[in-house]
Amino acid sequence: VGVPVALYVGRVDPEKNVGMVVSAFGEVLKKVPEAVLVVV
């Protein structure tokens, strides 16, 4: 609770390219270290 949250909702299949979101979030954490990525 109380931390910045980036959210993805949808199928977790290769054509949805969720891997790019995960990779990008690694870069986000360098600027916003308390952030959380939630994949639904």
PDB file of all heavy atoms in Angstrom:
ATOM      1  N   VAL A   1       0.840  -1.197   0.000  1.00  0.00           N
ATOM      2  CA  VAL A   1       0.000   0.000   0.000  1.00  0.00           C
ATOM      3  C   VAL A   1       0.876   1.248   0.000  1.00  0.00           C
ATOM      4  O   VAL A   1       1.930   1.290   0.634  1.00  0.00           O
ATOM      5  CB  VAL A   1      -0.924   0.006   1.239  1.00  0.00           C
ATOM      6  CG1 VAL A   1      -1.788   1.275   1.280  1.00  0.00           C
ATOM      7  CG2 VAL A   1      -1.804  -1.234   1.248  1.00  0.00           C
ATOM      8  N   GLY A   2       0.437   2.262  -0.744  1.00  0.00           N
ATOM      9  CA  GLY A   2       1.120   3.546  -0.699  1.00  0.00           C
ATOM     10  C   GLY A   2       2.356   3.661  -1.563  1.00  0.00           C
ATOM     11  O   GLY A   2       3.155   4.592  -1.388  1.00  0.00           O
ATOM     12  N   VAL A   3       2.529   2.731  -2.513  1.00  0.00           N
ATOM     13  CA  VAL A   3       3.668   2.821  -3.429  1.00  0.00           C
ATOM     14  C   VAL A   3       3.141   2.972  -4.855  1.00  0.00           C
ATOM     15  O   VAL A   3       2.018   2.568  -5.156  1.00  0.00           O
ATOM     16  CB  VAL A   3       4.581   1.568  -3.340  1.00  0.00           C
ATOM     17  CG1 VAL A   3       5.096   1.384  -1.922  1.00  0.00           C
ATOM     18  CG2 VAL A   3       3.848   0.322  -3.816  1.00  0.00           C
ATOM     19  N   PRO A   4       3.925   3.571  -5.756  1.00  0.00           N
ATOM     20  CA  PRO A   4       3.482   3.703  -7.154  1.00  0.00           C
ATOM     21  C   PRO A   4       3.339   2.324  -7.809  1.00  0.00           C
ATOM     22  O   PRO A   4       4.207   1.464  -7.641  1.00  0.00           O
ATOM     23  CB  PRO A   4       4.604   4.508  -7.810  1.00  0.00           C
ATOM     24  CG  PRO A   4       5.353   5.143  -6.682  1.00  0.00           C
ATOM     25  CD  PRO A   4       5.235   4.201  -5.533  1.00  0.00           C
ATOM     26  N   VAL A   5       2.251   2.135  -8.552  1.00  0.00           N
ATOM     27  CA  VAL A   5       1.978   0.838  -9.173  1.00  0.00           C
ATOM     28  C   VAL A   5       1.775   1.002 -10.678  1.00  0.00           C
ATOM     29  O   VAL A   5       0.911   1.771 -11.118  1.00  0.00           O
ATOM     30  CB  VAL A   5       0.728   0.172  -8.560  1.00  0.00           C
ATOM     31  CG1 VAL A   5       0.383  -1.122  -9.312  1.00  0.00           C
ATOM     32  CG2 VAL A   5       0.950  -0.131  -7.085  1.00  0.00           C
ATOM     33  N   ALA A   6       2.566   0.271 -11.465  1.00  0.00           N
ATOM     34  CA  ALA A   6       2.336   0.141 -12.898  1.00  0.00           C
ATOM     35  C   ALA A   6       1.555  -1.152 -13.111  1.00  0.00           C
ATOM     36  O   ALA A   6       1.868  -2.182 -12.505  1.00  0.00           O
ATOM     37  CB  ALA A   6       3.659   0.090 -13.651  1.00  0.00           C
ATOM     38  N   LEU A   7       0.536  -1.111 -13.964  1.00  0.00           N
ATOM     39  CA  LEU A   7      -0.384  -2.234 -14.105  1.00  0.00           C
ATOM     40  C   LEU A   7      -0.458  -2.715 -15.548  1.00  0.00           C
ATOM     41  O   LEU A   7      -0.502  -1.915 -16.483  1.00  0.00           O
ATOM     42  CB  LEU A   7      -1.790  -1.800 -13.655  1.00  0.00           C
ATOM     43  CG  LEU A   7      -2.921  -2.825 -13.765  1.00  0.00           C
ATOM     44  CD1 LEU A   7      -2.756  -3.923 -12.714  1.00  0.00           C
ATOM     45  CD2 LEU A   7      -4.280  -2.143 -13.598  1.00  0.00           C
ATOM     46  N   TYR A   8      -0.441  -4.041 -15.713  1.00  0.00           N
ATOM     47  CA  TYR A   8      -0.771  -4.667 -17.002  1.00  0.00           C
ATOM     48  C   TYR A   8      -1.874  -5.669 -16.755  1.00  0.00           C
ATOM     49  O   TYR A   8      -1.812  -6.463 -15.807  1.00  0.00           O
ATOM     50  CB  TYR A   8       0.436  -5.378 -17.623  1.00  0.00           C
ATOM     51  CG  TYR A   8       0.034  -6.249 -18.805  1.00  0.00           C
ATOM     52  CD1 TYR A   8      -0.123  -5.700 -20.067  1.00  0.00           C
ATOM     53  CD2 TYR A   8      -0.249  -7.604 -18.639  1.00  0.00           C
ATOM     54  CE1 TYR A   8      -0.532  -6.480 -21.145  1.00  0.00           C
ATOM     55  CE2 TYR A   8      -0.654  -8.400 -19.708  1.00  0.00           C
ATOM     56  CZ  TYR A   8      -0.794  -7.837 -20.954  1.00  0.00           C
ATOM     57  OH  TYR A   8      -1.221  -8.605 -22.008  1.00  0.00           O
ATOM     58  N   VAL A   9      -2.894  -5.656 -17.614  1.00  0.00           N
ATOM     59  CA  VAL A   9      -3.969  -6.642 -17.562  1.00  0.00           C
ATOM     60  C   VAL A   9      -4.125  -7.239 -18.954  1.00  0.00           C
ATOM     61  O   VAL A   9      -4.172  -6.501 -19.954  1.00  0.00           O
ATOM     62  CB  VAL A   9      -5.307  -6.011 -17.119  1.00  0.00           C
ATOM     63  CG1 VAL A   9      -6.423  -7.058 -17.128  1.00  0.00           C
ATOM     64  CG2 VAL A   9      -5.187  -5.393 -15.732  1.00  0.00           C
ATOM     65  N   GLY A  10      -4.215  -8.551 -19.037  1.00  0.00           N
ATOM     66  CA  GLY A  10      -4.410  -9.193 -20.336  1.00  0.00           C
ATOM     67  C   GLY A  10      -3.741 -10.550 -20.392  1.00  0.00           C
ATOM     68  O   GLY A  10      -3.154 -11.017 -19.405  1.00  0.00           O
ATOM     69  N   ARG A  11      -3.826 -11.188 -21.554  1.00  0.00           N
ATOM     70  CA  ARG A  11      -3.155 -12.472 -21.737  1.00  0.00           C
ATOM     71  C   ARG A  11      -1.645 -12.287 -21.619  1.00  0.00           C
ATOM     72  O   ARG A  11      -1.100 -11.282 -22.059  1.00  0.00           O
ATOM     73  CB  ARG A  11      -3.497 -13.075 -23.092  1.00  0.00           C
ATOM     74  CG  ARG A  11      -4.901 -13.605 -23.200  1.00  0.00           C
ATOM     75  CD  ARG A  11      -5.115 -14.395 -24.477  1.00  0.00           C
ATOM     76  NE  ARG A  11      -5.093 -13.553 -25.666  1.00  0.00           N
ATOM     77  CZ  ARG A  11      -4.204 -13.644 -26.640  1.00  0.00           C
ATOM     78  NH1 ARG A  11      -3.215 -14.522 -26.561  1.00  0.00           N
ATOM     79  NH2 ARG A  11      -4.263 -12.854 -27.703  1.00  0.00           N
ATOM     80  N   VAL A  12      -1.002 -13.289 -21.045  1.00  0.00           N
ATOM     81  CA  VAL A  12       0.456 -13.251 -20.924  1.00  0.00           C
ATOM     82  C   VAL A  12       1.026 -14.252 -21.930  1.00  0.00           C
ATOM     83  O   VAL A  12       1.536 -15.310 -21.576  1.00  0.00           O
ATOM     84  CB  VAL A  12       0.907 -13.568 -19.484  1.00  0.00           C
ATOM     85  CG1 VAL A  12       2.422 -13.365 -19.332  1.00  0.00           C
ATOM     86  CG2 VAL A  12       0.174 -12.666 -18.492  1.00  0.00           C
ATOM     87  N   ASP A  13       0.865 -13.917 -23.191  1.00  0.00           N
ATOM     88  CA  ASP A  13       1.329 -14.743 -24.301  1.00  0.00           C
ATOM     89  C   ASP A  13       2.361 -13.958 -25.104  1.00  0.00           C
ATOM     90  O   ASP A  13       2.372 -12.712 -25.060  1.00  0.00           O
ATOM     91  CB  ASP A  13       0.156 -15.154 -25.192  1.00  0.00           C
ATOM     92  CG  ASP A  13      -0.775 -16.145 -24.496  1.00  0.00           C
ATOM     93  OD1 ASP A  13      -0.266 -16.997 -23.748  1.00  0.00           O
ATOM     94  OD2 ASP A  13      -2.005 -16.069 -24.702  1.00  0.00           O
ATOM     95  N   PRO A  14       3.230 -14.645 -25.850  1.00  0.00           N
ATOM     96  CA  PRO A  14       4.320 -13.946 -26.553  1.00  0.00           C
ATOM     97  C   PRO A  14       3.860 -12.794 -27.431  1.00  0.00           C
ATOM     98  O   PRO A  14       4.521 -11.742 -27.483  1.00  0.00           O
ATOM     99  CB  PRO A  14       4.960 -15.063 -27.385  1.00  0.00           C
ATOM    100  CG  PRO A  14       4.694 -16.307 -26.624  1.00  0.00           C
ATOM    101  CD  PRO A  14       3.326 -16.110 -26.015  1.00  0.00           C
ATOM    102  N   GLU A  15       2.707 -12.977 -28.139  1.00  0.00           N
ATOM    103  CA  GLU A  15       2.263 -11.924 -29.049  1.00  0.00           C
ATOM    104  C   GLU A  15       1.824 -10.654 -28.323  1.00  0.00           C
ATOM    105  O   GLU A  15       1.702  -9.592 -28.947  1.00  0.00           O
ATOM    106  CB  GLU A  15       1.124 -12.437 -29.943  1.00  0.00           C
ATOM    107  CG  GLU A  15      -0.130 -12.862 -29.204  1.00  0.00           C
ATOM    108  CD  GLU A  15      -0.155 -14.340 -28.868  1.00  0.00           C
ATOM    109  OE1 GLU A  15       0.944 -14.931 -28.728  1.00  0.00           O
ATOM    110  OE2 GLU A  15      -1.260 -14.905 -28.740  1.00  0.00           O
ATOM    111  N   LYS A  16       1.606 -10.741 -27.009  1.00  0.00           N
ATOM    112  CA  LYS A  16       1.232  -9.551 -26.235  1.00  0.00           C
ATOM    113  C   LYS A  16       2.451  -8.743 -25.788  1.00  0.00           C
ATOM    114  O   LYS A  16       2.308  -7.647 -25.251  1.00  0.00           O
ATOM    115  CB  LYS A  16       0.397  -9.964 -25.014  1.00  0.00           C
ATOM    116  CG  LYS A  16      -0.990 -10.492 -25.351  1.00  0.00           C
ATOM    117  CD  LYS A  16      -1.887  -9.400 -25.891  1.00  0.00           C
ATOM    118  CE  LYS A  16      -3.314  -9.879 -26.076  1.00  0.00           C
ATOM    119  NZ  LYS A  16      -4.227  -8.807 -26.512  1.00  0.00           N
ATOM    120  N   ASN A  17       3.654  -9.318 -25.976  1.00  0.00           N
ATOM    121  CA  ASN A  17       4.902  -8.581 -25.747  1.00  0.00           C
ATOM    122  C   ASN A  17       5.035  -8.053 -24.317  1.00  0.00           C
ATOM    123  O   ASN A  17       5.575  -6.956 -24.098  1.00  0.00           O
ATOM    124  CB  ASN A  17       5.006  -7.413 -26.744  1.00  0.00           C
ATOM    125  CG  ASN A  17       6.444  -7.052 -27.064  1.00  0.00           C
ATOM    126  OD1 ASN A  17       7.360  -7.795 -26.739  1.00  0.00           O
ATOM    127  ND2 ASN A  17       6.638  -5.904 -27.681  1.00  0.00           N
ATOM    128  N   VAL A  18       4.561  -8.841 -23.354  1.00  0.00           N
ATOM    129  CA  VAL A  18       4.661  -8.417 -21.945  1.00  0.00           C
ATOM    130  C   VAL A  18       6.117  -8.374 -21.500  1.00  0.00           C
ATOM    131  O   VAL A  18       6.471  -7.652 -20.569  1.00  0.00           O
ATOM    132  CB  VAL A  18       3.833  -9.354 -21.037  1.00  0.00           C
ATOM    133  CG1 VAL A  18       3.798  -8.832 -19.602  1.00  0.00           C
ATOM    134  CG2 VAL A  18       2.407  -9.492 -21.557  1.00  0.00           C
ATOM    135  N   GLY A  19       6.969  -9.142 -22.199  1.00  0.00           N
ATOM    136  CA  GLY A  19       8.388  -9.119 -21.864  1.00  0.00           C
ATOM    137  C   GLY A  19       8.993  -7.730 -21.954  1.00  0.00           C
ATOM    138  O   GLY A  19       9.870  -7.361 -21.150  1.00  0.00           O
ATOM    139  N   MET A  20       8.531  -6.939 -22.904  1.00  0.00           N
ATOM    140  CA  MET A  20       9.042  -5.575 -23.031  1.00  0.00           C
ATOM    141  C   MET A  20       8.614  -4.728 -21.837  1.00  0.00           C
ATOM    142  O   MET A  20       9.367  -3.861 -21.374  1.00  0.00           O
ATOM    143  CB  MET A  20       8.567  -4.930 -24.331  1.00  0.00           C
ATOM    144  CG  MET A  20       9.162  -3.556 -24.568  1.00  0.00           C
ATOM    145  SD  MET A  20       8.667  -2.773 -26.123  1.00  0.00           S
ATOM    146  CE  MET A  20       9.624  -3.762 -27.280  1.00  0.00           C
ATOM    147  N   VAL A  21       7.409  -4.968 -21.330  1.00  0.00           N
ATOM    148  CA  VAL A  21       6.940  -4.240 -20.150  1.00  0.00           C
ATOM    149  C   VAL A  21       7.805  -4.586 -18.944  1.00  0.00           C
ATOM    150  O   VAL A  21       8.222  -3.704 -18.178  1.00  0.00           O
ATOM    151  CB  VAL A  21       5.464  -4.580 -19.858  1.00  0.00           C
ATOM    152  CG1 VAL A  21       5.014  -3.951 -18.547  1.00  0.00           C
ATOM    153  CG2 VAL A  21       4.573  -4.106 -21.004  1.00  0.00           C
ATOM    154  N   VAL A  22       8.108  -5.882 -18.764  1.00  0.00           N
ATOM    155  CA  VAL A  22       8.940  -6.317 -17.644  1.00  0.00           C
ATOM    156  C   VAL A  22      10.337  -5.716 -17.763  1.00  0.00           C
ATOM    157  O   VAL A  22      10.901  -5.205 -16.780  1.00  0.00           O
ATOM    158  CB  VAL A  22       9.007  -7.858 -17.588  1.00  0.00           C
ATOM    159  CG1 VAL A  22      10.018  -8.318 -16.534  1.00  0.00           C
ATOM    160  CG2 VAL A  22       7.629  -8.447 -17.291  1.00  0.00           C
ATOM    161  N   SER A  23      10.898  -5.761 -18.970  1.00  0.00           N
ATOM    162  CA  SER A  23      12.231  -5.195 -19.198  1.00  0.00           C
ATOM    163  C   SER A  23      12.246  -3.693 -18.905  1.00  0.00           C
ATOM    164  O   SER A  23      13.156  -3.186 -18.243  1.00  0.00           O
ATOM    165  CB  SER A  23      12.650  -5.458 -20.644  1.00  0.00           C
ATOM    166  OG  SER A  23      13.870  -4.824 -20.939  1.00  0.00           O
ATOM    167  N   ALA A  24      11.223  -2.983 -19.396  1.00  0.00           N
ATOM    168  CA  ALA A  24      11.144  -1.536 -19.166  1.00  0.00           C
ATOM    169  C   ALA A  24      11.012  -1.221 -17.679  1.00  0.00           C
ATOM    170  O   ALA A  24      11.579  -0.239 -17.186  1.00  0.00           O
ATOM    171  CB  ALA A  24       9.959  -0.945 -19.938  1.00  0.00           C
ATOM    172  N   PHE A  25      10.281  -2.074 -16.955  1.00  0.00           N
ATOM    173  CA  PHE A  25      10.071  -1.804 -15.534  1.00  0.00           C
ATOM    174  C   PHE A  25      11.387  -1.900 -14.758  1.00  0.00           C
ATOM    175  O   PHE A  25      11.560  -1.198 -13.753  1.00  0.00           O
ATOM    176  CB  PHE A  25       9.038  -2.753 -14.946  1.00  0.00           C
ATOM    177  CG  PHE A  25       8.633  -2.387 -13.551  1.00  0.00           C
ATOM    178  CD1 PHE A  25       7.861  -1.259 -13.313  1.00  0.00           C
ATOM    179  CD2 PHE A  25       9.048  -3.144 -12.461  1.00  0.00           C
ATOM    180  CE1 PHE A  25       7.512  -0.888 -12.027  1.00  0.00           C
ATOM    181  CE2 PHE A  25       8.694  -2.788 -11.167  1.00  0.00           C
ATOM    182  CZ  PHE A  25       7.924  -1.662 -10.950  1.00  0.00           C
ATOM    183  N   GLY A  26      12.299  -2.740 -15.229  1.00  0.00           N
ATOM    184  CA  GLY A  26      13.615  -2.773 -14.605  1.00  0.00           C
ATOM    185  C   GLY A  26      14.286  -1.414 -14.650  1.00  0.00           C
ATOM    186  O   GLY A  26      14.973  -1.000 -13.702  1.00  0.00           O
ATOM    187  N   GLU A  27      14.082  -0.667 -15.756  1.00  0.00           N
ATOM    188  CA  GLU A  27      14.617   0.691 -15.886  1.00  0.00           C
ATOM    189  C   GLU A  27      13.850   1.676 -15.006  1.00  0.00           C
ATOM    190  O   GLU A  27      14.424   2.611 -14.450  1.00  0.00           O
ATOM    191  CB  GLU A  27      14.552   1.138 -17.349  1.00  0.00           C
ATOM    192  CG  GLU A  27      15.428   0.324 -18.294  1.00  0.00           C
ATOM    193  CD  GLU A  27      16.900   0.480 -17.962  1.00  0.00           C
ATOM    194  OE1 GLU A  27      17.348   1.621 -17.773  1.00  0.00           O
ATOM    195  OE2 GLU A  27      17.588  -0.555 -17.876  1.00  0.00           O
ATOM    196  N   VAL A  28      12.532   1.465 -14.886  1.00  0.00           N
ATOM    197  CA  VAL A  28      11.711   2.340 -14.034  1.00  0.00           C
ATOM    198  C   VAL A  28      12.217   2.325 -12.598  1.00  0.00           C
ATOM    199  O   VAL A  28      12.275   3.361 -11.922  1.00  0.00           O
ATOM    200  CB  VAL A  28      10.227   1.901 -14.079  1.00  0.00           C
ATOM    201  CG1 VAL A  28       9.398   2.649 -13.033  1.00  0.00           C
ATOM    202  CG2 VAL A  28       9.644   2.118 -15.475  1.00  0.00           C
ATOM    203  N   LEU A  29      12.602   1.129 -12.134  1.00  0.00           N
ATOM    204  CA  LEU A  29      13.023   0.985 -10.729  1.00  0.00           C
ATOM    205  C   LEU A  29      14.281   1.798 -10.404  1.00  0.00           C
ATOM    206  O   LEU A  29      14.522   2.131  -9.241  1.00  0.00           O
ATOM    207  CB  LEU A  29      13.260  -0.485 -10.411  1.00  0.00           C
ATOM    208  CG  LEU A  29      11.990  -1.347 -10.304  1.00  0.00           C
ATOM    209  CD1 LEU A  29      12.338  -2.820 -10.144  1.00  0.00           C
ATOM    210  CD2 LEU A  29      11.113  -0.880  -9.145  1.00  0.00           C
ATOM    211  N   LYS A  30      15.062   2.127 -11.421  1.00  0.00           N
ATOM    212  CA  LYS A  30      16.249   2.947 -11.183  1.00  0.00           C
ATOM    213  C   LYS A  30      15.863   4.375 -10.809  1.00  0.00           C
ATOM    214  O   LYS A  30      16.596   5.058 -10.094  1.00  0.00           O
ATOM    215  CB  LYS A  30      17.133   2.958 -12.429  1.00  0.00           C
ATOM    216  CG  LYS A  30      17.718   1.581 -12.769  1.00  0.00           C
ATOM    217  CD  LYS A  30      18.523   1.630 -14.057  1.00  0.00           C
ATOM    218  CE  LYS A  30      19.070   0.252 -14.414  1.00  0.00           C
ATOM    219  NZ  LYS A  30      19.832   0.266 -15.687  1.00  0.00           N
ATOM    220  N   LYS A  31      14.704   4.843 -11.285  1.00  0.00           N
ATOM    221  CA  LYS A  31      14.233   6.192 -10.977  1.00  0.00           C
ATOM    222  C   LYS A  31      13.173   6.195  -9.874  1.00  0.00           C
ATOM    223  O   LYS A  31      13.063   7.168  -9.125  1.00  0.00           O
ATOM    224  CB  LYS A  31      13.651   6.834 -12.242  1.00  0.00           C
ATOM    225  CG  LYS A  31      14.677   7.059 -13.348  1.00  0.00           C
ATOM    226  CD  LYS A  31      14.042   7.759 -14.551  1.00  0.00           C
ATOM    227  CE  LYS A  31      15.075   8.021 -15.631  1.00  0.00           C
ATOM    228  NZ  LYS A  31      14.489   8.699 -16.826  1.00  0.00           N
ATOM    229  N   VAL A  32      12.392   5.106  -9.829  1.00  0.00           N
ATOM    230  CA  VAL A  32      11.321   5.003  -8.821  1.00  0.00           C
ATOM    231  C   VAL A  32      11.491   3.660  -8.117  1.00  0.00           C
ATOM    232  O   VAL A  32      10.751   2.698  -8.373  1.00  0.00           O
ATOM    233  CB  VAL A  32       9.925   5.099  -9.474  1.00  0.00           C
ATOM    234  CG1 VAL A  32       8.856   5.362  -8.417  1.00  0.00           C
ATOM    235  CG2 VAL A  32       9.877   6.180 -10.542  1.00  0.00           C
ATOM    236  N   PRO A  33      12.479   3.539  -7.224  1.00  0.00           N
ATOM    237  CA  PRO A  33      12.835   2.239  -6.645  1.00  0.00           C
ATOM    238  C   PRO A  33      11.746   1.575  -5.815  1.00  0.00           C
ATOM    239  O   PRO A  33      11.762   0.359  -5.634  1.00  0.00           O
ATOM    240  CB  PRO A  33      14.069   2.561  -5.785  1.00  0.00           C
ATOM    241  CG  PRO A  33      14.023   4.035  -5.564  1.00  0.00           C
ATOM    242  CD  PRO A  33      13.382   4.616  -6.772  1.00  0.00           C
ATOM    243  N   GLU A  34      10.795   2.366  -5.333  1.00  0.00           N
ATOM    244  CA  GLU A  34       9.723   1.799  -4.505  1.00  0.00           C
ATOM    245  C   GLU A  34       8.556   1.279  -5.340  1.00  0.00           C
ATOM    246  O   GLU A  34       7.594   0.690  -4.806  1.00  0.00           O
ATOM    247  CB  GLU A  34       9.217   2.843  -3.500  1.00  0.00           C
ATOM    248  CG  GLU A  34       8.417   3.999  -4.116  1.00  0.00           C
ATOM    249  CD  GLU A  34       9.272   5.130  -4.665  1.00  0.00           C
ATOM    250  OE1 GLU A  34      10.469   4.910  -4.919  1.00  0.00           O
ATOM    251  OE2 GLU A  34       8.733   6.243  -4.816  1.00  0.00           O
ATOM    252  N   ALA A  35       8.583   1.471  -6.649  1.00  0.00           N
ATOM    253  CA  ALA A  35       7.452   1.108  -7.514  1.00  0.00           C
ATOM    254  C   ALA A  35       7.270  -0.407  -7.600  1.00  0.00           C
ATOM    255  O   ALA A  35       8.192  -1.187  -7.341  1.00  0.00           O
ATOM    256  CB  ALA A  35       7.655   1.686  -8.909  1.00  0.00           C
ATOM    257  N   VAL A  36       6.053  -0.790  -7.990  1.00  0.00           N
ATOM    258  CA  VAL A  36       5.702  -2.210  -8.158  1.00  0.00           C
ATOM    259  C   VAL A  36       4.993  -2.377  -9.494  1.00  0.00           C
ATOM    260  O   VAL A  36       4.187  -1.522  -9.889  1.00  0.00           O
ATOM    261  CB  VAL A  36       4.778  -2.700  -7.013  1.00  0.00           C
ATOM    262  CG1 VAL A  36       4.226  -4.095  -7.304  1.00  0.00           C
ATOM    263  CG2 VAL A  36       5.528  -2.697  -5.689  1.00  0.00           C
ATOM    264  N   LEU A  37       5.319  -3.454 -10.194  1.00  0.00           N
ATOM    265  CA  LEU A  37       4.614  -3.826 -11.421  1.00  0.00           C
ATOM    266  C   LEU A  37       3.663  -4.970 -11.107  1.00  0.00           C
ATOM    267  O   LEU A  37       4.082  -6.008 -10.589  1.00  0.00           O
ATOM    268  CB  LEU A  37       5.597  -4.258 -12.508  1.00  0.00           C
ATOM    269  CG  LEU A  37       4.984  -4.863 -13.783  1.00  0.00           C
ATOM    270  CD1 LEU A  37       4.131  -3.842 -14.525  1.00  0.00           C
ATOM    271  CD2 LEU A  37       6.078  -5.418 -14.702  1.00  0.00           C
ATOM    272  N   VAL A  38       2.384  -4.786 -11.422  1.00  0.00           N
ATOM    273  CA  VAL A  38       1.371  -5.823 -11.206  1.00  0.00           C
ATOM    274  C   VAL A  38       0.904  -6.335 -12.563  1.00  0.00           C
ATOM    275  O   VAL A  38       0.420  -5.556 -13.389  1.00  0.00           O
ATOM    276  CB  VAL A  38       0.175  -5.283 -10.394  1.00  0.00           C
ATOM    277  CG1 VAL A  38      -0.917  -6.341 -10.275  1.00  0.00           C
ATOM    278  CG2 VAL A  38       0.636  -4.848  -9.004  1.00  0.00           C
ATOM    279  N   VAL A  39       1.077  -7.636 -12.801  1.00  0.00           N
ATOM    280  CA  VAL A  39       0.679  -8.265 -14.053  1.00  0.00           C
ATOM    281  C   VAL A  39      -0.519  -9.178 -13.766  1.00  0.00           C
ATOM    282  O   VAL A  39      -0.397 -10.175 -13.052  1.00  0.00           O
ATOM    283  CB  VAL A  39       1.830  -9.089 -14.665  1.00  0.00           C
ATOM    284  CG1 VAL A  39       1.366  -9.789 -15.944  1.00  0.00           C
ATOM    285  CG2 VAL A  39       3.033  -8.192 -14.943  1.00  0.00           C
ATOM    286  N   VAL A  40      -1.673  -8.812 -14.327  1.00  0.00           N
ATOM    287  CA  VAL A  40      -2.901  -9.580 -14.125  1.00  0.00           C
ATOM    288  C   VAL A  40      -3.190 -10.357 -15.408  1.00  0.00           C
ATOM    289  O   VAL A  40      -3.414  -9.770 -16.458  1.00  0.00           O
ATOM    290  CB  VAL A  40      -4.094  -8.663 -13.787  1.00  0.00           C
ATOM    291  CG1 VAL A  40      -5.354  -9.500 -13.549  1.00  0.00           C
ATOM    292  CG2 VAL A  40      -3.786  -7.799 -12.570  1.00  0.00           C
TER     293      VAL A  40
END
